[in-house]
Amino acid sequence: MKVSPNFSLEEFLSDDDTVKVTALLYFHVEKLQRLRDRFGSLVVTSGYRNPKHNKRVGGAVNSMHLDFATDLVPVTGVHYDDMAALALQEGFTGIGRYHNFIHLDCRQFIGRPPARWDNR
């Protein structure tokens, strides 16, 4: 099922093939689509996680993935810092940089304060 021109709901499923279909998902995906329009291909490595999935992968107890977040790998040649800067411009308020992916979320949608971190 398409949730934007270039994203399907299947890209965001938890390990039990579930996802919370809420306004947050569509708000988030709208911003992701703008990133994809600018950078080209983006690979979603993690989307929604049910509590069991989140625990299994060592996610934080209050992880935004439990509501909706994405971990992404940009196309070759795109630096994570450039992607983080554009994500901030697009309105993502949770931005984390790791060695092999970037985390993006829209925590403001559920009343959480902005967060930035760099775990590289």
PDB file of N, CA and C in Angstrom:
ATOM      1  N   MET A   1       0.844  -1.179   0.000  1.00  0.00           N
ATOM      2  CA  MET A   1       0.000   0.000   0.000  1.00  0.00           C
ATOM      3  C   MET A   1       0.890   1.244   0.000  1.00  0.00           C
ATOM      4  N   LYS A   2       0.681   2.123  -0.942  1.00  0.00           N
ATOM      5  CA  LYS A   2       1.450   3.360  -1.046  1.00  0.00           C
ATOM      6  C   LYS A   2       0.980   4.360   0.015  1.00  0.00           C
ATOM      7  N   VAL A   3       1.949   5.002   0.700  1.00  0.00           N
ATOM      8  CA  VAL A   3       1.630   6.060   1.650  1.00  0.00           C
ATOM      9  C   VAL A   3       2.185   7.405   1.177  1.00  0.00           C
ATOM     10  N   SER A   4       2.912   7.375   0.067  1.00  0.00           N
ATOM     11  CA  SER A   4       3.403   8.574  -0.617  1.00  0.00           C
ATOM     12  C   SER A   4       3.814   8.121  -2.015  1.00  0.00           C
ATOM     13  N   PRO A   5       4.203   9.049  -2.883  1.00  0.00           N
ATOM     14  CA  PRO A   5       4.577   8.618  -4.235  1.00  0.00           C
ATOM     15  C   PRO A   5       5.689   7.568  -4.281  1.00  0.00           C
ATOM     16  N   ASN A   6       6.638   7.611  -3.327  1.00  0.00           N
ATOM     17  CA  ASN A   6       7.770   6.692  -3.383  1.00  0.00           C
ATOM     18  C   ASN A   6       7.940   5.799  -2.164  1.00  0.00           C
ATOM     19  N   PHE A   7       7.009   5.811  -1.250  1.00  0.00           N
ATOM     20  CA  PHE A   7       7.102   4.949  -0.065  1.00  0.00           C
ATOM     21  C   PHE A   7       5.866   4.071   0.037  1.00  0.00           C
ATOM     22  N   SER A   8       6.109   2.826   0.432  1.00  0.00           N
ATOM     23  CA  SER A   8       4.992   1.919   0.691  1.00  0.00           C
ATOM     24  C   SER A   8       4.963   1.616   2.175  1.00  0.00           C
ATOM     25  N   LEU A   9       3.809   1.298   2.684  1.00  0.00           N
ATOM     26  CA  LEU A   9       3.636   0.986   4.095  1.00  0.00           C
ATOM     27  C   LEU A   9       4.539  -0.164   4.513  1.00  0.00           C
ATOM     28  N   GLU A  10       4.787  -1.095   3.617  1.00  0.00           N
ATOM     29  CA  GLU A  10       5.609  -2.271   3.918  1.00  0.00           C
ATOM     30  C   GLU A  10       7.030  -1.900   4.342  1.00  0.00           C
ATOM     31  N   GLU A  11       7.529  -0.746   3.901  1.00  0.00           N
ATOM     32  CA  GLU A  11       8.885  -0.327   4.275  1.00  0.00           C
ATOM     33  C   GLU A  11       9.011  -0.008   5.761  1.00  0.00           C
ATOM     34  N   PHE A  12       7.898   0.197   6.438  1.00  0.00           N
ATOM     35  CA  PHE A  12       7.905   0.664   7.817  1.00  0.00           C
ATOM     36  C   PHE A  12       7.415  -0.363   8.825  1.00  0.00           C
ATOM     37  N   LEU A  13       7.141  -1.585   8.392  1.00  0.00           N
ATOM     38  CA  LEU A  13       6.551  -2.598   9.261  1.00  0.00           C
ATOM     39  C   LEU A  13       7.513  -3.081  10.335  1.00  0.00           C
ATOM     40  N   SER A  14       6.951  -3.422  11.489  1.00  0.00           N
ATOM     41  CA  SER A  14       7.710  -4.057  12.555  1.00  0.00           C
ATOM     42  C   SER A  14       7.978  -5.503  12.165  1.00  0.00           C
ATOM     43  N   ASP A  15       8.706  -6.221  12.984  1.00  0.00           N
ATOM     44  CA  ASP A  15       9.067  -7.603  12.641  1.00  0.00           C
ATOM     45  C   ASP A  15       7.892  -8.574  12.634  1.00  0.00           C
ATOM     46  N   ASP A  16       6.733  -8.146  13.139  1.00  0.00           N
ATOM     47  CA  ASP A  16       5.537  -8.994  13.066  1.00  0.00           C
ATOM     48  C   ASP A  16       4.565  -8.486  11.999  1.00  0.00           C
ATOM     49  N   ASP A  17       5.089  -7.688  11.063  1.00  0.00           N
ATOM     50  CA  ASP A  17       4.324  -7.126   9.950  1.00  0.00           C
ATOM     51  C   ASP A  17       3.203  -6.188  10.391  1.00  0.00           C
ATOM     52  N   THR A  18       3.400  -5.495  11.523  1.00  0.00           N
ATOM     53  CA  THR A  18       2.427  -4.505  11.973  1.00  0.00           C
ATOM     54  C   THR A  18       3.044  -3.109  11.887  1.00  0.00           C
ATOM     55  N   VAL A  19       2.169  -2.131  11.885  1.00  0.00           N
ATOM     56  CA  VAL A  19       2.569  -0.727  11.939  1.00  0.00           C
ATOM     57  C   VAL A  19       1.378   0.045  12.493  1.00  0.00           C
ATOM     58  N   LYS A  20       1.650   1.104  13.246  1.00  0.00           N
ATOM     59  CA  LYS A  20       0.575   1.983  13.702  1.00  0.00           C
ATOM     60  C   LYS A  20       0.266   2.947  12.565  1.00  0.00           C
ATOM     61  N   VAL A  21      -0.919   2.834  12.013  1.00  0.00           N
ATOM     62  CA  VAL A  21      -1.328   3.758  10.957  1.00  0.00           C
ATOM     63  C   VAL A  21      -2.060   4.910  11.644  1.00  0.00           C
ATOM     64  N   THR A  22      -1.319   5.997  11.834  1.00  0.00           N
ATOM     65  CA  THR A  22      -1.842   7.175  12.522  1.00  0.00           C
ATOM     66  C   THR A  22      -1.481   8.416  11.716  1.00  0.00           C
ATOM     67  N   ALA A  23      -1.976   9.548  12.187  1.00  0.00           N
ATOM     68  CA  ALA A  23      -1.626  10.807  11.543  1.00  0.00           C
ATOM     69  C   ALA A  23      -0.116  11.052  11.625  1.00  0.00           C
ATOM     70  N   LEU A  24       0.535  10.586  12.697  1.00  0.00           N
ATOM     71  CA  LEU A  24       1.986  10.740  12.828  1.00  0.00           C
ATOM     72  C   LEU A  24       2.715  10.060  11.672  1.00  0.00           C
ATOM     73  N   LEU A  25       2.284   8.862  11.307  1.00  0.00           N
ATOM     74  CA  LEU A  25       2.908   8.157  10.185  1.00  0.00           C
ATOM     75  C   LEU A  25       2.849   9.021   8.930  1.00  0.00           C
ATOM     76  N   TYR A  26       1.695   9.563   8.602  1.00  0.00           N
ATOM     77  CA  TYR A  26       1.553  10.350   7.380  1.00  0.00           C
ATOM     78  C   TYR A  26       2.318  11.673   7.461  1.00  0.00           C
ATOM     79  N   PHE A  27       2.339  12.303   8.626  1.00  0.00           N
ATOM     80  CA  PHE A  27       3.096  13.531   8.844  1.00  0.00           C
ATOM     81  C   PHE A  27       4.578  13.265   8.598  1.00  0.00           C
ATOM     82  N   HIS A  28       5.073  12.169   9.150  1.00  0.00           N
ATOM     83  CA  HIS A  28       6.472  11.772   9.028  1.00  0.00           C
ATOM     84  C   HIS A  28       6.814  11.421   7.568  1.00  0.00           C
ATOM     85  N   VAL A  29       5.986  10.618   6.950  1.00  0.00           N
ATOM     86  CA  VAL A  29       6.258  10.171   5.581  1.00  0.00           C
ATOM     87  C   VAL A  29       6.217  11.341   4.596  1.00  0.00           C
ATOM     88  N   GLU A  30       5.377  12.317   4.848  1.00  0.00           N
ATOM     89  CA  GLU A  30       5.350  13.504   3.990  1.00  0.00           C
ATOM     90  C   GLU A  30       6.729  14.184   3.990  1.00  0.00           C
ATOM     91  N   LYS A  31       7.337  14.273   5.156  1.00  0.00           N
ATOM     92  CA  LYS A  31       8.673  14.867   5.265  1.00  0.00           C
ATOM     93  C   LYS A  31       9.731  13.958   4.626  1.00  0.00           C
ATOM     94  N   LEU A  32       9.606  12.648   4.833  1.00  0.00           N
ATOM     95  CA  LEU A  32      10.535  11.704   4.198  1.00  0.00           C
ATOM     96  C   LEU A  32      10.472  11.805   2.682  1.00  0.00           C
ATOM     97  N   GLN A  33       9.277  11.977   2.151  1.00  0.00           N
ATOM     98  CA  GLN A  33       9.124  12.084   0.708  1.00  0.00           C
ATOM     99  C   GLN A  33       9.901  13.284   0.181  1.00  0.00           C
ATOM    100  N   ARG A  34       9.867  14.393   0.914  1.00  0.00           N
ATOM    101  CA  ARG A  34      10.621  15.573   0.482  1.00  0.00           C
ATOM    102  C   ARG A  34      12.126  15.299   0.511  1.00  0.00           C
ATOM    103  N   LEU A  35      12.592  14.524   1.492  1.00  0.00           N
ATOM    104  CA  LEU A  35      14.006  14.135   1.508  1.00  0.00           C
ATOM    105  C   LEU A  35      14.334  13.254   0.313  1.00  0.00           C
ATOM    106  N   ARG A  36      13.460  12.313   0.019  1.00  0.00           N
ATOM    107  CA  ARG A  36      13.697  11.418  -1.114  1.00  0.00           C
ATOM    108  C   ARG A  36      13.688  12.208  -2.420  1.00  0.00           C
ATOM    109  N   ASP A  37      12.820  13.192  -2.517  1.00  0.00           N
ATOM    110  CA  ASP A  37      12.786  14.034  -3.717  1.00  0.00           C
ATOM    111  C   ASP A  37      14.109  14.773  -3.896  1.00  0.00           C
ATOM    112  N   ARG A  38      14.732  15.167  -2.804  1.00  0.00           N
ATOM    113  CA  ARG A  38      15.993  15.908  -2.873  1.00  0.00           C
ATOM    114  C   ARG A  38      17.206  15.005  -3.064  1.00  0.00           C
ATOM    115  N   PHE A  39      17.225  13.858  -2.383  1.00  0.00           N
ATOM    116  CA  PHE A  39      18.411  13.003  -2.376  1.00  0.00           C
ATOM    117  C   PHE A  39      18.300  11.784  -3.279  1.00  0.00           C
ATOM    118  N   GLY A  40      17.126  11.479  -3.766  1.00  0.00           N
ATOM    119  CA  GLY A  40      16.956  10.245  -4.523  1.00  0.00           C
ATOM    120  C   GLY A  40      16.632   9.107  -3.581  1.00  0.00           C
ATOM    121  N   SER A  41      17.161   7.976  -3.829  1.00  0.00           N
ATOM    122  CA  SER A  41      16.841   6.783  -3.057  1.00  0.00           C
ATOM    123  C   SER A  41      17.272   6.901  -1.602  1.00  0.00           C
ATOM    124  N   LEU A  42      16.406   6.479  -0.714  1.00  0.00           N
ATOM    125  CA  LEU A  42      16.700   6.353   0.709  1.00  0.00           C
ATOM    126  C   LEU A  42      16.259   4.957   1.116  1.00  0.00           C
ATOM    127  N   VAL A  43      17.086   4.251   1.846  1.00  0.00           N
ATOM    128  CA  VAL A  43      16.744   2.904   2.281  1.00  0.00           C
ATOM    129  C   VAL A  43      16.305   2.958   3.737  1.00  0.00           C
ATOM    130  N   VAL A  44      15.071   2.547   3.993  1.00  0.00           N
ATOM    131  CA  VAL A  44      14.547   2.485   5.348  1.00  0.00           C
ATOM    132  C   VAL A  44      15.032   1.178   5.972  1.00  0.00           C
ATOM    133  N   THR A  45      15.810   1.282   7.056  1.00  0.00           N
ATOM    134  CA  THR A  45      16.297   0.078   7.730  1.00  0.00           C
ATOM    135  C   THR A  45      15.473  -0.254   8.963  1.00  0.00           C
ATOM    136  N   SER A  46      14.728   0.713   9.475  1.00  0.00           N
ATOM    137  CA  SER A  46      13.843   0.476  10.610  1.00  0.00           C
ATOM    138  C   SER A  46      12.761   1.533  10.594  1.00  0.00           C
ATOM    139  N   GLY A  47      11.544   1.115  10.856  1.00  0.00           N
ATOM    140  CA  GLY A  47      10.411   2.036  10.933  1.00  0.00           C
ATOM    141  C   GLY A  47       9.722   1.857  12.261  1.00  0.00           C
ATOM    142  N   TYR A  48       8.450   1.521  12.210  1.00  0.00           N
ATOM    143  CA  TYR A  48       7.708   1.248  13.437  1.00  0.00           C
ATOM    144  C   TYR A  48       8.264  -0.024  14.081  1.00  0.00           C
ATOM    145  N   ARG A  49       8.331  -0.023  15.411  1.00  0.00           N
ATOM    146  CA  ARG A  49       8.690  -1.234  16.155  1.00  0.00           C
ATOM    147  C   ARG A  49       7.647  -1.483  17.232  1.00  0.00           C
ATOM    148  N   ASN A  50       7.132  -2.698  17.257  1.00  0.00           N
ATOM    149  CA  ASN A  50       6.268  -3.047  18.384  1.00  0.00           C
ATOM    150  C   ASN A  50       7.167  -3.194  19.612  1.00  0.00           C
ATOM    151  N   PRO A  51       6.604  -3.191  20.831  1.00  0.00           N
ATOM    152  CA  PRO A  51       7.448  -3.247  22.037  1.00  0.00           C
ATOM    153  C   PRO A  51       8.402  -4.445  22.080  1.00  0.00           C
ATOM    154  N   LYS A  52       7.967  -5.600  21.641  1.00  0.00           N
ATOM    155  CA  LYS A  52       8.822  -6.786  21.656  1.00  0.00           C
ATOM    156  C   LYS A  52      10.008  -6.616  20.693  1.00  0.00           C
ATOM    157  N   HIS A  53       9.738  -6.123  19.502  1.00  0.00           N
ATOM    158  CA  HIS A  53      10.771  -5.870  18.505  1.00  0.00           C
ATOM    159  C   HIS A  53      11.764  -4.833  19.043  1.00  0.00           C
ATOM    160  N   ASN A  54      11.237  -3.750  19.611  1.00  0.00           N
ATOM    161  CA  ASN A  54      12.098  -2.694  20.134  1.00  0.00           C
ATOM    162  C   ASN A  54      13.035  -3.225  21.221  1.00  0.00           C
ATOM    163  N   LYS A  55      12.509  -4.056  22.098  1.00  0.00           N
ATOM    164  CA  LYS A  55      13.327  -4.634  23.171  1.00  0.00           C
ATOM    165  C   LYS A  55      14.402  -5.549  22.596  1.00  0.00           C
ATOM    166  N   ARG A  56      14.024  -6.363  21.614  1.00  0.00           N
ATOM    167  CA  ARG A  56      14.952  -7.314  21.002  1.00  0.00           C
ATOM    168  C   ARG A  56      16.147  -6.620  20.351  1.00  0.00           C
ATOM    169  N   VAL A  57      15.926  -5.449  19.753  1.00  0.00           N
ATOM    170  CA  VAL A  57      17.019  -4.747  19.079  1.00  0.00           C
ATOM    171  C   VAL A  57      17.742  -3.764  19.993  1.00  0.00           C
ATOM    172  N   GLY A  58      17.370  -3.733  21.263  1.00  0.00           N
ATOM    173  CA  GLY A  58      18.036  -2.855  22.219  1.00  0.00           C
ATOM    174  C   GLY A  58      17.604  -1.410  22.138  1.00  0.00           C
ATOM    175  N   GLY A  59      16.382  -1.176  21.632  1.00  0.00           N
ATOM    176  CA  GLY A  59      15.866   0.189  21.547  1.00  0.00           C
ATOM    177  C   GLY A  59      15.580   0.766  22.923  1.00  0.00           C
ATOM    178  N   ALA A  60      15.601   2.080  23.024  1.00  0.00           N
ATOM    179  CA  ALA A  60      15.293   2.763  24.276  1.00  0.00           C
ATOM    180  C   ALA A  60      13.866   2.429  24.708  1.00  0.00           C
ATOM    181  N   VAL A  61      13.653   2.409  26.011  1.00  0.00           N
ATOM    182  CA  VAL A  61      12.328   2.088  26.556  1.00  0.00           C
ATOM    183  C   VAL A  61      11.267   3.037  26.005  1.00  0.00           C
ATOM    184  N   ASN A  62      11.626   4.305  25.832  1.00  0.00           N
ATOM    185  CA  ASN A  62      10.678   5.289  25.301  1.00  0.00           C
ATOM    186  C   ASN A  62      10.989   5.649  23.851  1.00  0.00           C
ATOM    187  N   SER A  63      11.532   4.717  23.095  1.00  0.00           N
ATOM    188  CA  SER A  63      11.934   4.948  21.705  1.00  0.00           C
ATOM    189  C   SER A  63      10.792   5.529  20.875  1.00  0.00           C
ATOM    190  N   MET A  64      11.118   6.485  20.038  1.00  0.00           N
ATOM    191  CA  MET A  64      10.125   7.024  19.108  1.00  0.00           C
ATOM    192  C   MET A  64       9.673   5.975  18.097  1.00  0.00           C
ATOM    193  N   HIS A  65      10.451   4.923  17.896  1.00  0.00           N
ATOM    194  CA  HIS A  65      10.040   3.852  16.987  1.00  0.00           C
ATOM    195  C   HIS A  65       8.757   3.181  17.456  1.00  0.00           C
ATOM    196  N   LEU A  66       8.463   3.272  18.755  1.00  0.00           N
ATOM    197  CA  LEU A  66       7.226   2.693  19.284  1.00  0.00           C
ATOM    198  C   LEU A  66       6.004   3.470  18.812  1.00  0.00           C
ATOM    199  N   ASP A  67       6.187   4.738  18.482  1.00  0.00           N
ATOM    200  CA  ASP A  67       5.114   5.549  17.897  1.00  0.00           C
ATOM    201  C   ASP A  67       5.300   5.608  16.389  1.00  0.00           C
ATOM    202  N   PHE A  68       6.441   6.134  15.952  1.00  0.00           N
ATOM    203  CA  PHE A  68       6.829   6.082  14.549  1.00  0.00           C
ATOM    204  C   PHE A  68       8.098   6.884  14.360  1.00  0.00           C
ATOM    205  N   ALA A  69       9.097   6.262  13.815  1.00  0.00           N
ATOM    206  CA  ALA A  69      10.380   6.889  13.485  1.00  0.00           C
ATOM    207  C   ALA A  69      10.992   6.061  12.369  1.00  0.00           C
ATOM    208  N   THR A  70      12.029   6.589  11.749  1.00  0.00           N
ATOM    209  CA  THR A  70      12.726   5.812  10.736  1.00  0.00           C
ATOM    210  C   THR A  70      14.230   5.928  10.928  1.00  0.00           C
ATOM    211  N   ASP A  71      14.883   4.827  10.630  1.00  0.00           N
ATOM    212  CA  ASP A  71      16.331   4.811  10.478  1.00  0.00           C
ATOM    213  C   ASP A  71      16.561   4.624   8.988  1.00  0.00           C
ATOM    214  N   LEU A  72      17.457   5.434   8.437  1.00  0.00           N
ATOM    215  CA  LEU A  72      17.665   5.472   6.988  1.00  0.00           C
ATOM    216  C   LEU A  72      19.133   5.382   6.624  1.00  0.00           C
ATOM    217  N   VAL A  73      19.359   4.864   5.453  1.00  0.00           N
ATOM    218  CA  VAL A  73      20.679   4.894   4.830  1.00  0.00           C
ATOM    219  C   VAL A  73      20.516   5.717   3.553  1.00  0.00           C
ATOM    220  N   PRO A  74      21.256   6.828   3.431  1.00  0.00           N
ATOM    221  CA  PRO A  74      21.124   7.639   2.208  1.00  0.00           C
ATOM    222  C   PRO A  74      21.863   7.002   1.042  1.00  0.00           C
ATOM    223  N   VAL A  75      21.632   7.579  -0.120  1.00  0.00           N
ATOM    224  CA  VAL A  75      22.309   7.101  -1.322  1.00  0.00           C
ATOM    225  C   VAL A  75      23.808   7.314  -1.176  1.00  0.00           C
ATOM    226  N   THR A  76      24.575   6.554  -1.918  1.00  0.00           N
ATOM    227  CA  THR A  76      26.024   6.695  -1.926  1.00  0.00           C
ATOM    228  C   THR A  76      26.403   8.120  -2.304  1.00  0.00           C
ATOM    229  N   GLY A  77      27.344   8.668  -1.579  1.00  0.00           N
ATOM    230  CA  GLY A  77      27.812  10.016  -1.874  1.00  0.00           C
ATOM    231  C   GLY A  77      27.124  11.107  -1.082  1.00  0.00           C
ATOM    232  N   VAL A  78      26.046  10.793  -0.371  1.00  0.00           N
ATOM    233  CA  VAL A  78      25.366  11.786   0.460  1.00  0.00           C
ATOM    234  C   VAL A  78      25.897  11.638   1.880  1.00  0.00           C
ATOM    235  N   HIS A  79      26.429  12.698   2.417  1.00  0.00           N
ATOM    236  CA  HIS A  79      26.982  12.671   3.762  1.00  0.00           C
ATOM    237  C   HIS A  79      25.849  12.780   4.788  1.00  0.00           C
ATOM    238  N   TYR A  80      25.984  12.065   5.897  1.00  0.00           N
ATOM    239  CA  TYR A  80      24.962  12.091   6.941  1.00  0.00           C
ATOM    240  C   TYR A  80      24.730  13.505   7.468  1.00  0.00           C
ATOM    241  N   ASP A  81      25.763  14.316   7.557  1.00  0.00           N
ATOM    242  CA  ASP A  81      25.596  15.677   8.051  1.00  0.00           C
ATOM    243  C   ASP A  81      24.732  16.501   7.101  1.00  0.00           C
ATOM    244  N   ASP A  82      24.900  16.303   5.793  1.00  0.00           N
ATOM    245  CA  ASP A  82      24.058  17.003   4.818  1.00  0.00           C
ATOM    246  C   ASP A  82      22.610  16.553   4.944  1.00  0.00           C
ATOM    247  N   MET A  83      22.433  15.261   5.135  1.00  0.00           N
ATOM    248  CA  MET A  83      21.081  14.732   5.278  1.00  0.00           C
ATOM    249  C   MET A  83      20.437  15.247   6.563  1.00  0.00           C
ATOM    250  N   ALA A  84      21.204  15.296   7.653  1.00  0.00           N
ATOM    251  CA  ALA A  84      20.679  15.805   8.925  1.00  0.00           C
ATOM    252  C   ALA A  84      20.282  17.269   8.804  1.00  0.00           C
ATOM    253  N   ALA A  85      21.087  18.062   8.104  1.00  0.00           N
ATOM    254  CA  ALA A  85      20.779  19.482   7.918  1.00  0.00           C
ATOM    255  C   ALA A  85      19.478  19.664   7.139  1.00  0.00           C
ATOM    256  N   LEU A  86      19.303  18.894   6.096  1.00  0.00           N
ATOM    257  CA  LEU A  86      18.067  18.994   5.320  1.00  0.00           C
ATOM    258  C   LEU A  86      16.879  18.465   6.125  1.00  0.00           C
ATOM    259  N   ALA A  87      17.082  17.408   6.895  1.00  0.00           N
ATOM    260  CA  ALA A  87      16.009  16.865   7.734  1.00  0.00           C
ATOM    261  C   ALA A  87      15.528  17.926   8.724  1.00  0.00           C
ATOM    262  N   LEU A  88      16.452  18.684   9.273  1.00  0.00           N
ATOM    263  CA  LEU A  88      16.089  19.762  10.185  1.00  0.00           C
ATOM    264  C   LEU A  88      15.264  20.820   9.446  1.00  0.00           C
ATOM    265  N   GLN A  89      15.688  21.180   8.242  1.00  0.00           N
ATOM    266  CA  GLN A  89      14.937  22.151   7.440  1.00  0.00           C
ATOM    267  C   GLN A  89      13.536  21.652   7.125  1.00  0.00           C
ATOM    268  N   GLU A  90      13.391  20.348   6.928  1.00  0.00           N
ATOM    269  CA  GLU A  90      12.084  19.768   6.591  1.00  0.00           C
ATOM    270  C   GLU A  90      11.170  19.629   7.806  1.00  0.00           C
ATOM    271  N   GLY A  91      11.708  19.837   9.008  1.00  0.00           N
ATOM    272  CA  GLY A  91      10.862  19.812  10.194  1.00  0.00           C
ATOM    273  C   GLY A  91      10.987  18.590  11.077  1.00  0.00           C
ATOM    274  N   PHE A  92      11.953  17.716  10.798  1.00  0.00           N
ATOM    275  CA  PHE A  92      12.189  16.598  11.723  1.00  0.00           C
ATOM    276  C   PHE A  92      12.780  17.183  12.994  1.00  0.00           C
ATOM    277  N   THR A  93      12.313  16.738  14.152  1.00  0.00           N
ATOM    278  CA  THR A  93      12.800  17.282  15.418  1.00  0.00           C
ATOM    279  C   THR A  93      13.575  16.267  16.239  1.00  0.00           C
ATOM    280  N   GLY A  94      13.631  15.038  15.803  1.00  0.00           N
ATOM    281  CA  GLY A  94      14.485  14.025  16.398  1.00  0.00           C
ATOM    282  C   GLY A  94      15.452  13.565  15.319  1.00  0.00           C
ATOM    283  N   ILE A  95      16.741  13.894  15.486  1.00  0.00           N
ATOM    284  CA  ILE A  95      17.739  13.576  14.459  1.00  0.00           C
ATOM    285  C   ILE A  95      18.960  12.988  15.150  1.00  0.00           C
ATOM    286  N   GLY A  96      19.232  11.721  14.850  1.00  0.00           N
ATOM    287  CA  GLY A  96      20.387  11.051  15.426  1.00  0.00           C
ATOM    288  C   GLY A  96      21.297  10.519  14.340  1.00  0.00           C
ATOM    289  N   ARG A  97      22.591  10.710  14.509  1.00  0.00           N
ATOM    290  CA  ARG A  97      23.572  10.234  13.532  1.00  0.00           C
ATOM    291  C   ARG A  97      24.345   9.063  14.130  1.00  0.00           C
ATOM    292  N   TYR A  98      24.463   8.023  13.342  1.00  0.00           N
ATOM    293  CA  TYR A  98      25.200   6.826  13.726  1.00  0.00           C
ATOM    294  C   TYR A  98      26.205   6.523  12.621  1.00  0.00           C
ATOM    295  N   HIS A  99      27.053   5.547  12.838  1.00  0.00           N
ATOM    296  CA  HIS A  99      28.083   5.208  11.842  1.00  0.00           C
ATOM    297  C   HIS A  99      27.486   4.751  10.510  1.00  0.00           C
ATOM    298  N   ASN A 100      26.376   4.027  10.573  1.00  0.00           N
ATOM    299  CA  ASN A 100      25.867   3.442   9.329  1.00  0.00           C
ATOM    300  C   ASN A 100      24.407   3.777   9.026  1.00  0.00           C
ATOM    301  N   PHE A 101      23.831   4.738   9.745  1.00  0.00           N
ATOM    302  CA  PHE A 101      22.466   5.173   9.443  1.00  0.00           C
ATOM    303  C   PHE A 101      22.182   6.491  10.138  1.00  0.00           C
ATOM    304  N   ILE A 102      21.052   7.089   9.777  1.00  0.00           N
ATOM    305  CA  ILE A 102      20.563   8.292  10.447  1.00  0.00           C
ATOM    306  C   ILE A 102      19.144   8.007  10.938  1.00  0.00           C
ATOM    307  N   HIS A 103      18.854   8.452  12.136  1.00  0.00           N
ATOM    308  CA  HIS A 103      17.523   8.288  12.737  1.00  0.00           C
ATOM    309  C   HIS A 103      16.767   9.601  12.572  1.00  0.00           C
ATOM    310  N   LEU A 104      15.513   9.519  12.151  1.00  0.00           N
ATOM    311  CA  LEU A 104      14.659  10.698  12.018  1.00  0.00           C
ATOM    312  C   LEU A 104      13.309  10.433  12.664  1.00  0.00           C
ATOM    313  N   ASP A 105      12.816  11.436  13.382  1.00  0.00           N
ATOM    314  CA  ASP A 105      11.458  11.331  13.913  1.00  0.00           C
ATOM    315  C   ASP A 105      10.823  12.709  14.009  1.00  0.00           C
ATOM    316  N   CYS A 106       9.542  12.705  14.259  1.00  0.00           N
ATOM    317  CA  CYS A 106       8.745  13.934  14.377  1.00  0.00           C
ATOM    318  C   CYS A 106       8.157  14.002  15.781  1.00  0.00           C
ATOM    319  N   ARG A 107       9.018  13.987  16.771  1.00  0.00           N
ATOM    320  CA  ARG A 107       8.591  13.914  18.174  1.00  0.00           C
ATOM    321  C   ARG A 107       7.716  15.085  18.590  1.00  0.00           C
ATOM    322  N   GLN A 108       7.828  16.227  17.916  1.00  0.00           N
ATOM    323  CA  GLN A 108       6.982  17.368  18.255  1.00  0.00           C
ATOM    324  C   GLN A 108       5.505  17.037  18.081  1.00  0.00           C
ATOM    325  N   PHE A 109       5.207  16.099  17.206  1.00  0.00           N
ATOM    326  CA  PHE A 109       3.825  15.716  16.914  1.00  0.00           C
ATOM    327  C   PHE A 109       3.141  15.122  18.147  1.00  0.00           C
ATOM    328  N   ILE A 110       3.929  14.495  19.022  1.00  0.00           N
ATOM    329  CA  ILE A 110       3.347  13.904  20.233  1.00  0.00           C
ATOM    330  C   ILE A 110       3.809  14.649  21.492  1.00  0.00           C
ATOM    331  N   GLY A 111       4.268  15.888  21.316  1.00  0.00           N
ATOM    332  CA  GLY A 111       4.574  16.743  22.449  1.00  0.00           C
ATOM    333  C   GLY A 111       5.936  16.558  23.090  1.00  0.00           C
ATOM    334  N   ARG A 112       6.831  15.850  22.435  1.00  0.00           N
ATOM    335  CA  ARG A 112       8.184  15.694  22.978  1.00  0.00           C
ATOM    336  C   ARG A 112       9.078  16.818  22.485  1.00  0.00           C
ATOM    337  N   PRO A 113      10.049  17.222  23.321  1.00  0.00           N
ATOM    338  CA  PRO A 113      10.971  18.285  22.908  1.00  0.00           C
ATOM    339  C   PRO A 113      11.948  17.795  21.850  1.00  0.00           C
ATOM    340  N   PRO A 114      12.517  18.699  21.077  1.00  0.00           N
ATOM    341  CA  PRO A 114      13.509  18.316  20.060  1.00  0.00           C
ATOM    342  C   PRO A 114      14.710  17.599  20.680  1.00  0.00           C
ATOM    343  N   ALA A 115      15.332  16.762  19.888  1.00  0.00           N
ATOM    344  CA  ALA A 115      16.539  16.038  20.339  1.00  0.00           C
ATOM    345  C   ALA A 115      17.477  15.853  19.154  1.00  0.00           C
ATOM    346  N   ARG A 116      18.754  16.052  19.406  1.00  0.00           N
ATOM    347  CA  ARG A 116      19.806  15.807  18.413  1.00  0.00           C
ATOM    348  C   ARG A 116      20.885  15.009  19.118  1.00  0.00           C
ATOM    349  N   TRP A 117      21.439  14.028  18.435  1.00  0.00           N
ATOM    350  CA  TRP A 117      22.552  13.270  19.004  1.00  0.00           C
ATOM    351  C   TRP A 117      23.445  12.740  17.898  1.00  0.00           C
ATOM    352  N   ASP A 118      24.687  12.513  18.268  1.00  0.00           N
ATOM    353  CA  ASP A 118      25.681  12.011  17.323  1.00  0.00           C
ATOM    354  C   ASP A 118      26.411  10.854  17.985  1.00  0.00           C
ATOM    355  N   ASN A 119      26.098   9.646  17.573  1.00  0.00           N
ATOM    356  CA  ASN A 119      26.709   8.428  18.141  1.00  0.00           C
ATOM    357  C   ASN A 119      27.699   7.801  17.165  1.00  0.00           C
ATOM    358  N   ARG A 120      28.393   8.650  16.402  1.00  0.00           N
ATOM    359  CA  ARG A 120      29.387   8.110  15.468  1.00  0.00           C
ATOM    360  C   ARG A 120      30.713   7.915  16.155  1.00  0.00           C
TER     361      ARG A 120
END
